[in-house]
Amino acid sequence: MSDSESPGSESTNACEPCEAGKYQDEKGKAKCTSCPSGKWSKKVQATNDFDCQDCQVGKYSASKGIDFDCIFCPAGTRGKDGVTSGTNTTVCQACDAGRYRASKNPDGSDTNSTMCPSCPLGFLSDAGSTKCERCGAGRYGDGCQDCVKGQYRNGTDPIATSCRHCPTGYYSDDVGQGSCLPCIPVSFTCYKLVALYFSFVPCFVLFIRVPC
């Protein structure tokens, strides 16, 4: 025991292990080296940079010495295929139109940051969306296509997978309609002209539909 030490005293020269997110591959160093940006490590007392792991696809790390998993790409984006060790959101790309990605699943867990699911039938989204929107009036189905002539769909209809046929007495003469128009009642003039030129064919039609 040296003269400077007394029984029960602790040495101030003890080496301490590198904390997670750092490593030391040389002897006699006063401090540890941080894992570089784009990498992370949860290992304590790491001895080389091989213990620093690359951020996975769909994740990135902007800081050095990260001791926890990398950050997920923001909602509305996904990781670029095959790109790891990201240091910022440039490793992420926006979801395509017709796809989306929220940050959380309904159960509260993180969503898969490597993919953007397709919108369900009857829904659509713009590029970089975090959710899908129901098809608007006059549209339905895959990609929210236009309702055909003779059919319609209003914007409040919860069923967006198909359009409805115009009811009796109504018509739709164009695509993508949110409602149908009423048929026009026949006039007395029309009735008289029919009787004049086709007297042997009585005009019993009460309504005509233009142009259906």
Protein backbone atom coordinates (compact mmCIF):
# COMPACT_ATOMS: atom_id res chain seq x y z
CA MET A 1 0.00 0.00 0.00
CA SER A 2 1.37 3.41 -0.87
CA ASP A 3 1.75 6.22 1.61
CA SER A 4 -0.97 8.17 -0.23
CA GLU A 5 -3.56 5.45 0.27
CA SER A 6 -5.20 4.53 3.53
CA PRO A 7 -7.04 1.34 4.40
CA GLY A 8 -10.58 1.33 2.91
CA SER A 9 -9.91 4.09 0.40
CA GLU A 10 -10.78 3.53 -3.29
CA SER A 11 -8.38 4.11 -6.13
CA THR A 12 -9.25 7.01 -8.43
CA ASN A 13 -7.39 5.37 -11.33
CA ALA A 14 -9.90 2.56 -11.95
CA CYS A 15 -10.93 2.03 -15.61
CA GLU A 16 -14.61 2.25 -16.41
CA PRO A 17 -16.42 0.43 -19.21
CA CYS A 18 -17.52 2.32 -22.28
CA GLU A 19 -21.23 2.98 -22.10
CA ALA A 20 -23.66 1.82 -24.78
CA GLY A 21 -23.28 3.75 -28.03
CA LYS A 22 -19.50 4.04 -27.60
CA TYR A 23 -16.42 1.83 -27.91
CA GLN A 24 -12.66 1.83 -27.26
CA ASP A 25 -10.25 -0.20 -29.39
CA GLU A 26 -7.01 1.12 -27.86
CA LYS A 27 -5.42 0.88 -24.42
CA GLY A 28 -4.70 3.79 -22.15
CA LYS A 29 -7.33 6.15 -23.51
CA ALA A 30 -9.08 8.67 -21.29
CA LYS A 31 -12.43 8.48 -23.08
CA CYS A 32 -14.41 6.27 -25.40
CA THR A 33 -15.25 6.87 -29.07
CA SER A 34 -18.89 7.43 -30.05
CA CYS A 35 -20.51 5.31 -32.73
CA PRO A 36 -20.85 7.47 -35.86
CA SER A 37 -24.13 8.88 -37.16
CA GLY A 38 -26.18 6.27 -38.97
CA LYS A 39 -25.15 3.59 -36.48
CA TRP A 40 -26.08 2.58 -32.95
CA SER A 41 -25.04 0.13 -30.25
CA LYS A 42 -26.58 -1.14 -27.03
CA LYS A 43 -23.46 -3.07 -26.03
CA VAL A 44 -21.63 -1.92 -22.90
CA GLN A 45 -17.82 -2.09 -22.91
CA ALA A 46 -17.59 -2.43 -26.70
CA THR A 47 -14.01 -2.89 -27.90
CA ASN A 48 -14.29 -1.92 -31.58
CA ASP A 49 -16.48 -0.17 -34.12
CA PHE A 50 -17.87 -3.49 -35.34
CA ASP A 51 -20.15 -3.33 -32.32
CA CYS A 52 -21.79 -0.25 -33.85
CA GLN A 53 -24.68 -1.53 -35.97
CA ASP A 54 -26.05 0.04 -39.13
CA CYS A 55 -29.50 1.59 -38.96
CA GLN A 56 -31.90 -0.75 -40.72
CA VAL A 57 -33.89 0.13 -43.83
CA GLY A 58 -36.66 2.54 -42.80
CA LYS A 59 -34.64 4.01 -39.92
CA TYR A 60 -31.97 6.66 -39.46
CA SER A 61 -29.75 8.22 -36.78
CA ALA A 62 -28.66 11.84 -37.00
CA SER A 63 -26.58 11.83 -33.80
CA LYS A 64 -23.38 10.11 -32.73
CA GLY A 65 -23.16 7.68 -29.82
CA ILE A 66 -26.74 6.44 -30.02
CA ASP A 67 -27.39 3.77 -27.41
CA PHE A 68 -30.89 2.91 -28.56
CA ASP A 69 -32.41 1.79 -31.84
CA CYS A 70 -32.47 4.23 -34.76
CA ILE A 71 -35.42 6.51 -35.49
CA PHE A 72 -38.26 5.37 -37.75
CA CYS A 73 -38.88 7.22 -41.01
CA PRO A 74 -41.65 9.81 -40.47
CA ALA A 75 -45.30 8.94 -41.10
CA GLY A 76 -46.22 9.23 -44.78
CA THR A 77 -42.81 7.90 -45.82
CA ARG A 78 -40.91 4.61 -45.92
CA GLY A 79 -37.28 3.57 -46.12
CA LYS A 80 -35.62 3.50 -49.52
CA ASP A 81 -34.98 -0.06 -50.64
CA GLY A 82 -31.57 -1.32 -49.59
CA VAL A 83 -30.44 1.96 -47.97
CA THR A 84 -29.02 1.55 -44.46
CA SER A 85 -26.83 3.63 -42.13
CA GLY A 86 -29.01 6.67 -42.72
CA THR A 87 -28.00 9.88 -41.00
CA ASN A 88 -31.16 11.86 -41.84
CA THR A 89 -34.56 11.57 -43.53
CA THR A 90 -32.97 11.47 -47.00
CA VAL A 91 -33.01 7.67 -46.55
CA CYS A 92 -36.81 7.91 -46.47
CA GLN A 93 -39.12 8.39 -49.47
CA ALA A 94 -42.73 9.54 -49.64
CA CYS A 95 -45.46 6.95 -50.00
CA ASP A 96 -46.84 6.81 -53.55
CA ALA A 97 -50.32 8.09 -54.36
CA GLY A 98 -52.88 5.44 -53.44
CA ARG A 99 -50.74 4.31 -50.49
CA TYR A 100 -50.21 5.58 -46.96
CA ARG A 101 -48.34 5.02 -43.71
CA ALA A 102 -49.37 6.12 -40.24
CA SER A 103 -46.88 6.28 -37.38
CA LYS A 104 -48.82 3.87 -35.16
CA ASN A 105 -51.02 0.80 -35.62
CA PRO A 106 -54.48 0.71 -33.99
CA ASP A 107 -52.97 -1.26 -31.08
CA GLY A 108 -50.39 1.46 -30.46
CA SER A 109 -47.39 -0.39 -31.89
CA ASP A 110 -45.09 1.19 -34.47
CA THR A 111 -45.95 0.63 -38.11
CA ASN A 112 -43.55 -1.06 -40.51
CA SER A 113 -41.35 1.78 -41.79
CA THR A 114 -40.16 -0.21 -44.81
CA MET A 115 -43.49 -0.22 -46.63
CA CYS A 116 -46.61 1.82 -47.38
CA PRO A 117 -49.84 -0.24 -47.52
CA SER A 118 -52.32 0.29 -50.35
CA CYS A 119 -55.51 2.19 -49.62
CA PRO A 120 -58.53 -0.11 -49.25
CA LEU A 121 -61.14 -0.31 -52.02
CA GLY A 122 -63.16 2.90 -52.15
CA PHE A 123 -60.39 5.05 -50.68
CA LEU A 124 -57.60 7.14 -52.19
CA SER A 125 -54.60 9.19 -51.03
CA ASP A 126 -52.10 11.70 -52.37
CA ALA A 127 -48.35 11.02 -52.30
CA GLY A 128 -46.86 11.23 -48.80
CA SER A 129 -50.17 10.60 -47.02
CA THR A 130 -50.57 9.29 -43.48
CA LYS A 131 -54.13 8.07 -44.13
CA CYS A 132 -56.56 7.39 -46.96
CA GLU A 133 -59.71 9.35 -47.70
CA ARG A 134 -63.03 7.91 -48.86
CA CYS A 135 -63.84 8.53 -52.54
CA GLY A 136 -65.67 11.78 -53.15
CA ALA A 137 -69.07 12.29 -54.77
CA GLY A 138 -69.48 10.60 -58.15
CA ARG A 139 -66.51 8.28 -57.59
CA TYR A 140 -66.03 4.75 -56.29
CA GLY A 141 -63.87 1.64 -56.11
CA ASP A 142 -60.24 1.08 -57.01
CA GLY A 143 -58.53 4.42 -57.57
CA CYS A 144 -61.84 6.28 -57.11
CA GLN A 145 -63.00 5.99 -60.71
CA ASP A 146 -66.05 7.85 -62.08
CA CYS A 147 -69.53 6.42 -61.78
CA VAL A 148 -70.88 5.54 -65.24
CA LYS A 149 -73.90 7.14 -66.90
CA GLY A 150 -77.16 6.14 -65.26
CA GLN A 151 -75.49 5.76 -61.85
CA TYR A 152 -74.47 8.10 -59.03
CA ARG A 153 -72.90 8.26 -55.59
CA ASN A 154 -73.21 11.17 -53.18
CA GLY A 155 -70.34 12.28 -51.00
CA THR A 156 -71.94 11.16 -47.72
CA ASP A 157 -72.56 7.59 -48.88
CA PRO A 158 -70.51 5.31 -46.55
CA ILE A 159 -70.37 2.64 -49.26
CA ALA A 160 -67.62 3.68 -51.66
CA THR A 161 -67.05 0.35 -53.41
CA SER A 162 -69.85 0.84 -55.95
CA CYS A 163 -72.26 3.40 -57.39
CA ARG A 164 -76.04 3.31 -57.17
CA HIS A 165 -78.47 3.15 -60.10
CA CYS A 166 -80.67 6.18 -60.62
CA PRO A 167 -84.16 5.46 -59.24
CA THR A 168 -87.25 5.36 -61.47
CA GLY A 169 -88.11 8.83 -62.70
CA TYR A 170 -84.50 10.09 -62.51
CA TYR A 171 -81.53 9.98 -64.87
CA SER A 172 -77.82 10.75 -65.13
CA ASP A 173 -76.47 11.63 -68.56
CA ASP A 174 -72.81 12.07 -67.63
CA VAL A 175 -70.10 10.17 -65.74
CA GLY A 176 -68.96 11.02 -62.22
CA GLN A 177 -72.30 12.31 -60.94
CA GLY A 178 -73.12 12.78 -57.26
CA SER A 179 -76.88 12.76 -57.86
CA CYS A 180 -79.50 12.08 -60.54
CA LEU A 181 -81.81 14.57 -62.25
CA PRO A 182 -85.60 14.25 -62.31
CA CYS A 183 -87.24 13.27 -65.59
CA ILE A 184 -89.22 15.98 -67.40
CA PRO A 185 -93.05 15.56 -67.46
CA VAL A 186 -94.62 15.34 -70.94
CA SER A 187 -96.49 18.49 -71.99
CA PHE A 188 -100.00 18.80 -73.42
CA THR A 189 -98.42 20.10 -76.63
CA CYS A 190 -96.49 16.88 -77.00
CA TYR A 191 -99.66 14.88 -76.41
CA LYS A 192 -101.57 16.81 -79.09
CA LEU A 193 -98.78 16.44 -81.65
CA VAL A 194 -98.65 12.72 -81.06
CA ALA A 195 -102.41 12.46 -81.41
CA LEU A 196 -102.32 14.53 -84.61
CA TYR A 197 -99.68 12.55 -86.47
CA PHE A 198 -100.30 9.17 -84.89
CA SER A 199 -103.98 9.29 -84.06
CA PHE A 200 -104.15 5.52 -84.02
CA VAL A 201 -101.52 5.38 -81.20
CA PRO A 202 -102.79 7.06 -78.01
CA CYS A 203 -100.07 8.78 -75.96
CA PHE A 204 -100.28 7.18 -72.52
CA VAL A 205 -96.73 8.02 -71.41
CA LEU A 206 -96.87 10.31 -68.37
CA PHE A 207 -93.15 11.04 -68.21
CA ILE A 208 -90.35 11.19 -70.72
CA ARG A 209 -86.71 11.09 -69.66
CA VAL A 210 -84.22 13.29 -71.41
CA PRO A 211 -82.02 11.76 -72.67
CA CYS A 212 -82.57 8.42 -70.91
